[in-house]
Structure formats: structure tokens, C-alpha cells
């Protein structure tokens, strides 16, 4: 399942980086397969 970090921040107030969030979710028993940085999808500016 893919979840947008912005969408998650609308539901839950947190200040973790994506990497810290992935680690926290993993320690809680949720598998995090990968973290995609969509800011790079637009290509060079």
C-alpha cells in the first residue's frame, strides 16, 4: 500500500523525517518496503 507523507501528516501530527517514520512503523510491526522521493519525478529544473 502506498501512503503519501503529506496525507499522513493531515491525519496525524508528527515531526519525524520519512526515514525516522519508516523505522518507527517497522518497529511497530508494519513493513516499509521503500521510500519514494517524488520531488525528483519532475526531472531537472
C-alpha atoms as a PDB file:
ATOM      1  CA  UNK A   1       0.000   0.000   0.000  1.00  0.00           C
ATOM      2  CA  UNK A   2       1.322   3.439  -0.869  1.00  0.00           C
ATOM      3  CA  UNK A   3       0.733   6.298   1.535  1.00  0.00           C
ATOM      4  CA  UNK A   4       1.578   9.936   0.895  1.00  0.00           C
ATOM      5  CA  UNK A   5       3.566  11.579   3.664  1.00  0.00           C
ATOM      6  CA  UNK A   6       1.516  14.767   3.210  1.00  0.00           C
ATOM      7  CA  UNK A   7      -1.716  12.812   3.512  1.00  0.00           C
ATOM      8  CA  UNK A   8      -0.478  11.112   6.672  1.00  0.00           C
ATOM      9  CA  UNK A   9       0.526  14.474   8.157  1.00  0.00           C
ATOM     10  CA  UNK A  10      -3.053  15.716   7.615  1.00  0.00           C
ATOM     11  CA  UNK A  11      -4.295  12.880   9.814  1.00  0.00           C
ATOM     12  CA  UNK A  12      -1.534  12.681  12.431  1.00  0.00           C
ATOM     13  CA  UNK A  13       0.611  15.447  13.904  1.00  0.00           C
ATOM     14  CA  UNK A  14       4.281  14.368  13.821  1.00  0.00           C
ATOM     15  CA  UNK A  15       7.684  15.849  13.009  1.00  0.00           C
ATOM     16  CA  UNK A  16       9.609  12.720  12.011  1.00  0.00           C
ATOM     17  CA  UNK A  17      11.637  12.535   8.827  1.00  0.00           C
ATOM     18  CA  UNK A  18      10.474   9.908   6.312  1.00  0.00           C
ATOM     19  CA  UNK A  19      13.356   7.649   7.399  1.00  0.00           C
ATOM     20  CA  UNK A  20      12.503   8.029  11.097  1.00  0.00           C
ATOM     21  CA  UNK A  21       8.842   7.351  10.362  1.00  0.00           C
ATOM     22  CA  UNK A  22       9.740   4.216   8.386  1.00  0.00           C
ATOM     23  CA  UNK A  23      11.847   2.970  11.298  1.00  0.00           C
ATOM     24  CA  UNK A  24       9.072   3.708  13.806  1.00  0.00           C
ATOM     25  CA  UNK A  25       6.482   1.917  11.672  1.00  0.00           C
ATOM     26  CA  UNK A  26       8.823  -1.063  11.229  1.00  0.00           C
ATOM     27  CA  UNK A  27       9.372  -1.299  14.985  1.00  0.00           C
ATOM     28  CA  UNK A  28       5.579  -1.257  15.436  1.00  0.00           C
ATOM     29  CA  UNK A  29       5.251  -4.271  13.130  1.00  0.00           C
ATOM     30  CA  UNK A  30       4.420  -2.562   9.826  1.00  0.00           C
ATOM     31  CA  UNK A  31       6.584  -3.365   6.826  1.00  0.00           C
ATOM     32  CA  UNK A  32       8.050  -0.402   4.941  1.00  0.00           C
ATOM     33  CA  UNK A  33       9.306  -1.665   1.597  1.00  0.00           C
ATOM     34  CA  UNK A  34      10.651   1.593   0.199  1.00  0.00           C
ATOM     35  CA  UNK A  35      10.535   5.368   0.464  1.00  0.00           C
ATOM     36  CA  UNK A  36       9.958   7.250  -2.801  1.00  0.00           C
ATOM     37  CA  UNK A  37      11.007  10.870  -3.132  1.00  0.00           C
ATOM     38  CA  UNK A  38       8.513  12.179  -5.678  1.00  0.00           C
ATOM     39  CA  UNK A  39      10.179  15.582  -5.761  1.00  0.00           C
ATOM     40  CA  UNK A  40      12.692  14.042  -8.182  1.00  0.00           C
ATOM     41  CA  UNK A  41       9.987  12.845 -10.602  1.00  0.00           C
ATOM     42  CA  UNK A  42       9.703  16.220 -12.342  1.00  0.00           C
ATOM     43  CA  UNK A  43      13.275  15.980 -13.600  1.00  0.00           C
ATOM     44  CA  UNK A  44      15.906  18.701 -13.567  1.00  0.00           C
ATOM     45  CA  UNK A  45      14.686  22.234 -13.006  1.00  0.00           C
END
